Amino acid sequence: MKTVGSRELKNRLGRYLGLVRKGETIIVTDRGTTVAHLVPPSGDQGEPDSCDRFLKQLEAKGHLRLGTRPFRRFKPLRLKGKAASQIILEDRD
């Protein structure tokens, strides 16, 4: 178990996340007071496929239908008239 100050954690976050990834627990302090514990996720949490597995279970029960293709490209609408920011500025006067 390592103890690190908040400024040191901010400056070297990648290094400390690597230690947590390897299974080490990090205690974060702010002016000598413990404010957080960085711990590796337990076996059932943090798995990237757990969400996909859960969605597939819901689909099997008939609660939802998963998409089969990506979304179409979004095309913004062009509206005539004043911009909303301009209307708000005028309203403030």
PDB file of N, CA and C in Angstrom:
ATOM      1  N   MET A   1       0.851  -1.165   0.000  1.00  0.00           N
ATOM      2  CA  MET A   1       0.000   0.000   0.000  1.00  0.00           C
ATOM      3  C   MET A   1       0.898   1.230   0.000  1.00  0.00           C
ATOM      4  N   LYS A   2       0.653   2.116  -0.977  1.00  0.00           N
ATOM      5  CA  LYS A   2       1.451   3.341  -1.121  1.00  0.00           C
ATOM      6  C   LYS A   2       0.617   4.543  -0.730  1.00  0.00           C
ATOM      7  N   THR A   3       1.242   5.571  -0.207  1.00  0.00           N
ATOM      8  CA  THR A   3       0.582   6.830   0.114  1.00  0.00           C
ATOM      9  C   THR A   3       1.159   7.908  -0.786  1.00  0.00           C
ATOM     10  N   VAL A   4       0.268   8.728  -1.361  1.00  0.00           N
ATOM     11  CA  VAL A   4       0.706   9.773  -2.283  1.00  0.00           C
ATOM     12  C   VAL A   4      -0.150  11.020  -2.057  1.00  0.00           C
ATOM     13  N   GLY A   5       0.497  12.181  -2.165  1.00  0.00           N
ATOM     14  CA  GLY A   5      -0.221  13.440  -2.049  1.00  0.00           C
ATOM     15  C   GLY A   5      -1.004  13.744  -3.314  1.00  0.00           C
ATOM     16  N   SER A   6      -2.003  14.592  -3.198  1.00  0.00           N
ATOM     17  CA  SER A   6      -2.877  14.883  -4.343  1.00  0.00           C
ATOM     18  C   SER A   6      -2.107  15.544  -5.487  1.00  0.00           C
ATOM     19  N   ARG A   7      -1.163  16.418  -5.183  1.00  0.00           N
ATOM     20  CA  ARG A   7      -0.392  17.073  -6.239  1.00  0.00           C
ATOM     21  C   ARG A   7       0.492  16.072  -6.974  1.00  0.00           C
ATOM     22  N   GLU A   8       1.139  15.188  -6.228  1.00  0.00           N
ATOM     23  CA  GLU A   8       1.977  14.152  -6.830  1.00  0.00           C
ATOM     24  C   GLU A   8       1.124  13.228  -7.702  1.00  0.00           C
ATOM     25  N   LEU A   9      -0.067  12.894  -7.229  1.00  0.00           N
ATOM     26  CA  LEU A   9      -0.971  12.037  -8.009  1.00  0.00           C
ATOM     27  C   LEU A   9      -1.361  12.721  -9.316  1.00  0.00           C
ATOM     28  N   LYS A  10      -1.671  14.011  -9.222  1.00  0.00           N
ATOM     29  CA  LYS A  10      -2.048  14.758 -10.427  1.00  0.00           C
ATOM     30  C   LYS A  10      -0.910  14.801 -11.430  1.00  0.00           C
ATOM     31  N   ASN A  11       0.302  15.017 -10.949  1.00  0.00           N
ATOM     32  CA  ASN A  11       1.449  15.145 -11.841  1.00  0.00           C
ATOM     33  C   ASN A  11       1.884  13.825 -12.465  1.00  0.00           C
ATOM     34  N   ARG A  12       1.639  12.720 -11.779  1.00  0.00           N
ATOM     35  CA  ARG A  12       2.097  11.408 -12.269  1.00  0.00           C
ATOM     36  C   ARG A  12       0.967  10.392 -12.249  1.00  0.00           C
ATOM     37  N   LEU A  13      -0.206  10.808 -12.723  1.00  0.00           N
ATOM     38  CA  LEU A  13      -1.395   9.964 -12.666  1.00  0.00           C
ATOM     39  C   LEU A  13      -1.201   8.643 -13.401  1.00  0.00           C
ATOM     40  N   GLY A  14      -0.609   8.683 -14.585  1.00  0.00           N
ATOM     41  CA  GLY A  14      -0.408   7.467 -15.365  1.00  0.00           C
ATOM     42  C   GLY A  14       0.411   6.422 -14.620  1.00  0.00           C
ATOM     43  N   ARG A  15       1.431   6.882 -13.938  1.00  0.00           N
ATOM     44  CA  ARG A  15       2.296   5.967 -13.177  1.00  0.00           C
ATOM     45  C   ARG A  15       1.508   5.276 -12.070  1.00  0.00           C
ATOM     46  N   TYR A  16       0.706   6.048 -11.327  1.00  0.00           N
ATOM     47  CA  TYR A  16      -0.044   5.475 -10.223  1.00  0.00           C
ATOM     48  C   TYR A  16      -1.198   4.594 -10.717  1.00  0.00           C
ATOM     49  N   LEU A  17      -1.802   4.938 -11.821  1.00  0.00           N
ATOM     50  CA  LEU A  17      -2.833   4.066 -12.387  1.00  0.00           C
ATOM     51  C   LEU A  17      -2.224   2.735 -12.825  1.00  0.00           C
ATOM     52  N   GLY A  18      -1.002   2.777 -13.316  1.00  0.00           N
ATOM     53  CA  GLY A  18      -0.302   1.540 -13.662  1.00  0.00           C
ATOM     54  C   GLY A  18      -0.078   0.656 -12.444  1.00  0.00           C
ATOM     55  N   LEU A  19       0.263   1.271 -11.309  1.00  0.00           N
ATOM     56  CA  LEU A  19       0.445   0.497 -10.084  1.00  0.00           C
ATOM     57  C   LEU A  19      -0.871  -0.120  -9.628  1.00  0.00           C
ATOM     58  N   VAL A  20      -1.948   0.642  -9.730  1.00  0.00           N
ATOM     59  CA  VAL A  20      -3.263   0.120  -9.350  1.00  0.00           C
ATOM     60  C   VAL A  20      -3.654  -1.015 -10.288  1.00  0.00           C
ATOM     61  N   ARG A  21      -3.358  -0.860 -11.567  1.00  0.00           N
ATOM     62  CA  ARG A  21      -3.662  -1.907 -12.552  1.00  0.00           C
ATOM     63  C   ARG A  21      -2.957  -3.211 -12.195  1.00  0.00           C
ATOM     64  N   LYS A  22      -1.763  -3.086 -11.607  1.00  0.00           N
ATOM     65  CA  LYS A  22      -0.996  -4.276 -11.214  1.00  0.00           C
ATOM     66  C   LYS A  22      -1.476  -4.859  -9.890  1.00  0.00           C
ATOM     67  N   GLY A  23      -2.446  -4.221  -9.232  1.00  0.00           N
ATOM     68  CA  GLY A  23      -3.022  -4.769  -8.005  1.00  0.00           C
ATOM     69  C   GLY A  23      -2.681  -4.027  -6.732  1.00  0.00           C
ATOM     70  N   GLU A  24      -1.934  -2.939  -6.820  1.00  0.00           N
ATOM     71  CA  GLU A  24      -1.538  -2.209  -5.621  1.00  0.00           C
ATOM     72  C   GLU A  24      -2.623  -1.207  -5.226  1.00  0.00           C
ATOM     73  N   THR A  25      -2.757  -0.953  -3.929  1.00  0.00           N
ATOM     74  CA  THR A  25      -3.694   0.039  -3.415  1.00  0.00           C
ATOM     75  C   THR A  25      -2.931   1.330  -3.130  1.00  0.00           C
ATOM     76  N   ILE A  26      -3.507   2.446  -3.557  1.00  0.00           N
ATOM     77  CA  ILE A  26      -2.886   3.762  -3.359  1.00  0.00           C
ATOM     78  C   ILE A  26      -3.783   4.578  -2.437  1.00  0.00           C
ATOM     79  N   ILE A  27      -3.191   5.160  -1.395  1.00  0.00           N
ATOM     80  CA  ILE A  27      -3.912   6.067  -0.498  1.00  0.00           C
ATOM     81  C   ILE A  27      -3.572   7.491  -0.924  1.00  0.00           C
ATOM     82  N   VAL A  28      -4.584   8.298  -1.206  1.00  0.00           N
ATOM     83  CA  VAL A  28      -4.393   9.684  -1.642  1.00  0.00           C
ATOM     84  C   VAL A  28      -4.633  10.593  -0.443  1.00  0.00           C
ATOM     85  N   THR A  29      -3.678  11.496  -0.209  1.00  0.00           N
ATOM     86  CA  THR A  29      -3.807  12.437   0.902  1.00  0.00           C
ATOM     87  C   THR A  29      -3.836  13.867   0.379  1.00  0.00           C
ATOM     88  N   ASP A  30      -4.457  14.733   1.157  1.00  0.00           N
ATOM     89  CA  ASP A  30      -4.461  16.164   0.876  1.00  0.00           C
ATOM     90  C   ASP A  30      -4.062  16.859   2.171  1.00  0.00           C
ATOM     91  N   ARG A  31      -2.867  17.429   2.185  1.00  0.00           N
ATOM     92  CA  ARG A  31      -2.300  18.079   3.374  1.00  0.00           C
ATOM     93  C   ARG A  31      -2.269  17.129   4.569  1.00  0.00           C
ATOM     94  N   GLY A  32      -1.884  15.891   4.300  1.00  0.00           N
ATOM     95  CA  GLY A  32      -1.716  14.911   5.368  1.00  0.00           C
ATOM     96  C   GLY A  32      -2.976  14.158   5.760  1.00  0.00           C
ATOM     97  N   THR A  33      -4.122  14.530   5.224  1.00  0.00           N
ATOM     98  CA  THR A  33      -5.380  13.866   5.549  1.00  0.00           C
ATOM     99  C   THR A  33      -5.772  12.931   4.413  1.00  0.00           C
ATOM    100  N   THR A  34      -6.117  11.707   4.737  1.00  0.00           N
ATOM    101  CA  THR A  34      -6.533  10.746   3.723  1.00  0.00           C
ATOM    102  C   THR A  34      -7.860  11.181   3.124  1.00  0.00           C
ATOM    103  N   VAL A  35      -7.906  11.264   1.780  1.00  0.00           N
ATOM    104  CA  VAL A  35      -9.136  11.678   1.094  1.00  0.00           C
ATOM    105  C   VAL A  35      -9.670  10.605   0.157  1.00  0.00           C
ATOM    106  N   ALA A  36      -8.835   9.624  -0.230  1.00  0.00           N
ATOM    107  CA  ALA A  36      -9.302   8.603  -1.163  1.00  0.00           C
ATOM    108  C   ALA A  36      -8.400   7.385  -1.123  1.00  0.00           C
ATOM    109  N   HIS A  37      -8.960   6.267  -1.557  1.00  0.00           N
ATOM    110  CA  HIS A  37      -8.220   5.027  -1.751  1.00  0.00           C
ATOM    111  C   HIS A  37      -8.423   4.612  -3.203  1.00  0.00           C
ATOM    112  N   LEU A  38      -7.341   4.403  -3.925  1.00  0.00           N
ATOM    113  CA  LEU A  38      -7.426   3.876  -5.283  1.00  0.00           C
ATOM    114  C   LEU A  38      -7.153   2.385  -5.203  1.00  0.00           C
ATOM    115  N   VAL A  39      -8.156   1.591  -5.538  1.00  0.00           N
ATOM    116  CA  VAL A  39      -8.028   0.140  -5.456  1.00  0.00           C
ATOM    117  C   VAL A  39      -8.378  -0.466  -6.807  1.00  0.00           C
ATOM    118  N   PRO A  40      -7.783  -1.605  -7.136  1.00  0.00           N
ATOM    119  CA  PRO A  40      -8.136  -2.266  -8.386  1.00  0.00           C
ATOM    120  C   PRO A  40      -9.584  -2.752  -8.328  1.00  0.00           C
ATOM    121  N   PRO A  41     -10.258  -2.814  -9.463  1.00  0.00           N
ATOM    122  CA  PRO A  41     -11.653  -3.283  -9.460  1.00  0.00           C
ATOM    123  C   PRO A  41     -11.715  -4.761  -9.094  1.00  0.00           C
ATOM    124  N   SER A  42     -12.842  -5.141  -8.493  1.00  0.00           N
ATOM    125  CA  SER A  42     -13.010  -6.562  -8.177  1.00  0.00           C
ATOM    126  C   SER A  42     -13.306  -7.317  -9.470  1.00  0.00           C
ATOM    127  N   GLY A  43     -13.343  -8.632  -9.406  1.00  0.00           N
ATOM    128  CA  GLY A  43     -13.490  -9.457 -10.600  1.00  0.00           C
ATOM    129  C   GLY A  43     -14.744  -9.205 -11.401  1.00  0.00           C
ATOM    130  N   ASP A  44     -15.885  -8.894 -10.736  1.00  0.00           N
ATOM    131  CA  ASP A  44     -17.124  -8.712 -11.478  1.00  0.00           C
ATOM    132  C   ASP A  44     -17.333  -7.277 -11.945  1.00  0.00           C
ATOM    133  N   GLN A  45     -16.550  -6.340 -11.448  1.00  0.00           N
ATOM    134  CA  GLN A  45     -16.672  -4.949 -11.868  1.00  0.00           C
ATOM    135  C   GLN A  45     -15.574  -4.596 -12.848  1.00  0.00           C
ATOM    136  N   GLY A  46     -15.823  -3.594 -13.666  1.00  0.00           N
ATOM    137  CA  GLY A  46     -14.788  -3.043 -14.506  1.00  0.00           C
ATOM    138  C   GLY A  46     -14.450  -3.861 -15.735  1.00  0.00           C
ATOM    139  N   GLU A  47     -15.100  -5.011 -15.921  1.00  0.00           N
ATOM    140  CA  GLU A  47     -14.828  -5.772 -17.130  1.00  0.00           C
ATOM    141  C   GLU A  47     -15.515  -5.087 -18.298  1.00  0.00           C
ATOM    142  N   PRO A  48     -14.801  -4.832 -19.385  1.00  0.00           N
ATOM    143  CA  PRO A  48     -15.410  -4.108 -20.485  1.00  0.00           C
ATOM    144  C   PRO A  48     -16.566  -4.858 -21.135  1.00  0.00           C
ATOM    145  N   ASP A  49     -16.559  -6.195 -21.074  1.00  0.00           N
ATOM    146  CA  ASP A  49     -17.619  -6.934 -21.746  1.00  0.00           C
ATOM    147  C   ASP A  49     -18.820  -7.181 -20.836  1.00  0.00           C
ATOM    148  N   SER A  50     -18.762  -6.796 -19.553  1.00  0.00           N
ATOM    149  CA  SER A  50     -19.871  -7.044 -18.648  1.00  0.00           C
ATOM    150  C   SER A  50     -21.119  -6.280 -19.086  1.00  0.00           C
ATOM    151  N   CYS A  51     -20.956  -5.085 -19.604  1.00  0.00           N
ATOM    152  CA  CYS A  51     -22.090  -4.308 -20.094  1.00  0.00           C
ATOM    153  C   CYS A  51     -22.701  -4.985 -21.320  1.00  0.00           C
ATOM    154  N   ASP A  52     -21.854  -5.435 -22.235  1.00  0.00           N
ATOM    155  CA  ASP A  52     -22.355  -6.131 -23.424  1.00  0.00           C
ATOM    156  C   ASP A  52     -23.095  -7.409 -23.037  1.00  0.00           C
ATOM    157  N   ARG A  53     -22.549  -8.127 -22.078  1.00  0.00           N
ATOM    158  CA  ARG A  53     -23.180  -9.361 -21.620  1.00  0.00           C
ATOM    159  C   ARG A  53     -24.554  -9.060 -21.018  1.00  0.00           C
ATOM    160  N   PHE A  54     -24.637  -8.002 -20.215  1.00  0.00           N
ATOM    161  CA  PHE A  54     -25.895  -7.604 -19.589  1.00  0.00           C
ATOM    162  C   PHE A  54     -26.926  -7.210 -20.647  1.00  0.00           C
ATOM    163  N   LEU A  55     -26.497  -6.439 -21.664  1.00  0.00           N
ATOM    164  CA  LEU A  55     -27.416  -6.045 -22.725  1.00  0.00           C
ATOM    165  C   LEU A  55     -27.920  -7.260 -23.498  1.00  0.00           C
ATOM    166  N   LYS A  56     -27.069  -8.232 -23.728  1.00  0.00           N
ATOM    167  CA  LYS A  56     -27.488  -9.452 -24.429  1.00  0.00           C
ATOM    168  C   LYS A  56     -28.479 -10.250 -23.604  1.00  0.00           C
ATOM    169  N   GLN A  57     -28.321 -10.244 -22.279  1.00  0.00           N
ATOM    170  CA  GLN A  57     -29.294 -10.911 -21.416  1.00  0.00           C
ATOM    171  C   GLN A  57     -30.649 -10.231 -21.508  1.00  0.00           C
ATOM    172  N   LEU A  58     -30.651  -8.899 -21.501  1.00  0.00           N
ATOM    173  CA  LEU A  58     -31.907  -8.163 -21.637  1.00  0.00           C
ATOM    174  C   LEU A  58     -32.557  -8.424 -22.988  1.00  0.00           C
ATOM    175  N   GLU A  59     -31.762  -8.530 -24.031  1.00  0.00           N
ATOM    176  CA  GLU A  59     -32.291  -8.823 -25.352  1.00  0.00           C
ATOM    177  C   GLU A  59     -32.906 -10.222 -25.379  1.00  0.00           C
ATOM    178  N   ALA A  60     -32.253 -11.185 -24.728  1.00  0.00           N
ATOM    179  CA  ALA A  60     -32.779 -12.551 -24.691  1.00  0.00           C
ATOM    180  C   ALA A  60     -34.118 -12.618 -23.964  1.00  0.00           C
ATOM    181  N   LYS A  61     -34.300 -11.753 -22.955  1.00  0.00           N
ATOM    182  CA  LYS A  61     -35.569 -11.713 -22.224  1.00  0.00           C
ATOM    183  C   LYS A  61     -36.640 -10.927 -22.981  1.00  0.00           C
ATOM    184  N   GLY A  62     -36.253 -10.242 -24.048  1.00  0.00           N
ATOM    185  CA  GLY A  62     -37.217  -9.476 -24.834  1.00  0.00           C
ATOM    186  C   GLY A  62     -37.445  -8.063 -24.356  1.00  0.00           C
ATOM    187  N   HIS A  63     -36.585  -7.559 -23.487  1.00  0.00           N
ATOM    188  CA  HIS A  63     -36.749  -6.199 -22.965  1.00  0.00           C
ATOM    189  C   HIS A  63     -36.221  -5.129 -23.910  1.00  0.00           C
ATOM    190  N   LEU A  64     -35.334  -5.499 -24.804  1.00  0.00           N
ATOM    191  CA  LEU A  64     -34.792  -4.531 -25.758  1.00  0.00           C
ATOM    192  C   LEU A  64     -34.324  -5.255 -27.006  1.00  0.00           C
ATOM    193  N   ARG A  65     -34.028  -4.483 -28.015  1.00  0.00           N
ATOM    194  CA  ARG A  65     -33.503  -5.023 -29.266  1.00  0.00           C
ATOM    195  C   ARG A  65     -32.212  -4.269 -29.583  1.00  0.00           C
ATOM    196  N   LEU A  66     -31.119  -5.008 -29.713  1.00  0.00           N
ATOM    197  CA  LEU A  66     -29.827  -4.390 -29.997  1.00  0.00           C
ATOM    198  C   LEU A  66     -29.747  -3.991 -31.460  1.00  0.00           C
ATOM    199  N   GLY A  67     -29.085  -2.884 -31.724  1.00  0.00           N
ATOM    200  CA  GLY A  67     -28.888  -2.430 -33.091  1.00  0.00           C
ATOM    201  C   GLY A  67     -27.918  -3.324 -33.847  1.00  0.00           C
ATOM    202  N   THR A  68     -28.043  -3.305 -35.169  1.00  0.00           N
ATOM    203  CA  THR A  68     -27.171  -4.153 -35.987  1.00  0.00           C
ATOM    204  C   THR A  68     -26.217  -3.344 -36.846  1.00  0.00           C
ATOM    205  N   ARG A  69     -26.444  -2.061 -36.972  1.00  0.00           N
ATOM    206  CA  ARG A  69     -25.551  -1.242 -37.798  1.00  0.00           C
ATOM    207  C   ARG A  69     -25.320   0.100 -37.107  1.00  0.00           C
ATOM    208  N   PRO A  70     -24.273   0.815 -37.477  1.00  0.00           N
ATOM    209  CA  PRO A  70     -23.972   2.101 -36.823  1.00  0.00           C
ATOM    210  C   PRO A  70     -25.002   3.167 -37.191  1.00  0.00           C
ATOM    211  N   PHE A  71     -25.032   4.215 -36.392  1.00  0.00           N
ATOM    212  CA  PHE A  71     -25.932   5.327 -36.661  1.00  0.00           C
ATOM    213  C   PHE A  71     -25.544   6.024 -37.964  1.00  0.00           C
ATOM    214  N   ARG A  72     -26.545   6.627 -38.589  1.00  0.00           N
ATOM    215  CA  ARG A  72     -26.253   7.423 -39.782  1.00  0.00           C
ATOM    216  C   ARG A  72     -25.564   8.712 -39.370  1.00  0.00           C
ATOM    217  N   ARG A  73     -24.895   9.321 -40.319  1.00  0.00           N
ATOM    218  CA  ARG A  73     -24.190  10.572 -40.052  1.00  0.00           C
ATOM    219  C   ARG A  73     -25.202  11.662 -39.726  1.00  0.00           C
ATOM    220  N   PHE A  74     -24.906  12.426 -38.680  1.00  0.00           N
ATOM    221  CA  PHE A  74     -25.790  13.496 -38.230  1.00  0.00           C
ATOM    222  C   PHE A  74     -25.580  14.736 -39.073  1.00  0.00           C
ATOM    223  N   LYS A  75     -26.667  15.311 -39.552  1.00  0.00           N
ATOM    224  CA  LYS A  75     -26.587  16.535 -40.329  1.00  0.00           C
ATOM    225  C   LYS A  75     -27.370  17.624 -39.592  1.00  0.00           C
ATOM    226  N   PRO A  76     -26.695  18.667 -39.108  1.00  0.00           N
ATOM    227  CA  PRO A  76     -27.387  19.698 -38.342  1.00  0.00           C
ATOM    228  C   PRO A  76     -28.348  20.497 -39.217  1.00  0.00           C
ATOM    229  N   LEU A  77     -29.389  20.998 -38.592  1.00  0.00           N
ATOM    230  CA  LEU A  77     -30.379  21.814 -39.299  1.00  0.00           C
ATOM    231  C   LEU A  77     -29.919  23.264 -39.341  1.00  0.00           C
ATOM    232  N   ARG A  78     -30.172  23.928 -40.437  1.00  0.00           N
ATOM    233  CA  ARG A  78     -29.904  25.358 -40.560  1.00  0.00           C
ATOM    234  C   ARG A  78     -31.239  26.081 -40.449  1.00  0.00           C
ATOM    235  N   LEU A  79     -31.350  26.940 -39.450  1.00  0.00           N
ATOM    236  CA  LEU A  79     -32.586  27.672 -39.251  1.00  0.00           C
ATOM    237  C   LEU A  79     -32.383  29.136 -39.599  1.00  0.00           C
ATOM    238  N   LYS A  80     -33.428  29.755 -40.117  1.00  0.00           N
ATOM    239  CA  LYS A  80     -33.363  31.177 -40.441  1.00  0.00           C
ATOM    240  C   LYS A  80     -33.685  31.987 -39.195  1.00  0.00           C
ATOM    241  N   GLY A  81     -33.195  33.189 -39.170  1.00  0.00           N
ATOM    242  CA  GLY A  81     -33.481  34.074 -38.053  1.00  0.00           C
ATOM    243  C   GLY A  81     -32.237  34.311 -37.212  1.00  0.00           C
ATOM    244  N   LYS A  82     -32.465  34.925 -36.058  1.00  0.00           N
ATOM    245  CA  LYS A  82     -31.360  35.268 -35.166  1.00  0.00           C
ATOM    246  C   LYS A  82     -30.855  34.038 -34.430  1.00  0.00           C
ATOM    247  N   ALA A  83     -29.599  34.097 -34.057  1.00  0.00           N
ATOM    248  CA  ALA A  83     -29.011  33.044 -33.248  1.00  0.00           C
ATOM    249  C   ALA A  83     -29.564  33.127 -31.827  1.00  0.00           C
ATOM    250  N   ALA A  84     -29.653  31.998 -31.150  1.00  0.00           N
ATOM    251  CA  ALA A  84     -30.185  31.965 -29.784  1.00  0.00           C
ATOM    252  C   ALA A  84     -29.357  32.850 -28.862  1.00  0.00           C
ATOM    253  N   SER A  85     -28.033  32.866 -29.045  1.00  0.00           N
ATOM    254  CA  SER A  85     -27.189  33.702 -28.197  1.00  0.00           C
ATOM    255  C   SER A  85     -27.513  35.184 -28.392  1.00  0.00           C
ATOM    256  N   GLN A  86     -27.806  35.570 -29.607  1.00  0.00           N
ATOM    257  CA  GLN A  86     -28.162  36.970 -29.885  1.00  0.00           C
ATOM    258  C   GLN A  86     -29.489  37.324 -29.222  1.00  0.00           C
ATOM    259  N   ILE A  87     -30.449  36.420 -29.264  1.00  0.00           N
ATOM    260  CA  ILE A  87     -31.762  36.667 -28.633  1.00  0.00           C
ATOM    261  C   ILE A  87     -31.585  36.814 -27.133  1.00  0.00           C
ATOM    262  N   ILE A  88     -30.752  35.991 -26.528  1.00  0.00           N
ATOM    263  CA  ILE A  88     -30.521  36.074 -25.075  1.00  0.00           C
ATOM    264  C   ILE A  88     -29.858  37.388 -24.709  1.00  0.00           C
ATOM    265  N   LEU A  89     -28.862  37.826 -25.502  1.00  0.00           N
ATOM    266  CA  LEU A  89     -28.208  39.098 -25.223  1.00  0.00           C
ATOM    267  C   LEU A  89     -29.170  40.266 -25.347  1.00  0.00           C
ATOM    268  N   GLU A  90     -30.038  40.219 -26.329  1.00  0.00           N
ATOM    269  CA  GLU A  90     -31.038  41.289 -26.480  1.00  0.00           C
ATOM    270  C   GLU A  90     -32.026  41.288 -25.328  1.00  0.00           C
ATOM    271  N   ASP A  91     -32.385  40.117 -24.832  1.00  0.00           N
ATOM    272  CA  ASP A  91     -33.355  39.992 -23.749  1.00  0.00           C
ATOM    273  C   ASP A  91     -32.778  40.536 -22.449  1.00  0.00           C
ATOM    274  N   ARG A  92     -31.466  40.493 -22.270  1.00  0.00           N
ATOM    275  CA  ARG A  92     -30.829  40.978 -21.051  1.00  0.00           C
ATOM    276  C   ARG A  92     -30.841  42.501 -20.953  1.00  0.00           C
ATOM    277  N   ASP A  93     -30.976  43.171 -22.059  1.00  0.00           N
ATOM    278  CA  ASP A  93     -30.960  44.646 -22.063  1.00  0.00           C
ATOM    279  C   ASP A  93     -32.239  45.241 -21.572  1.00  0.00           C
TER     280      ASP A  93
END
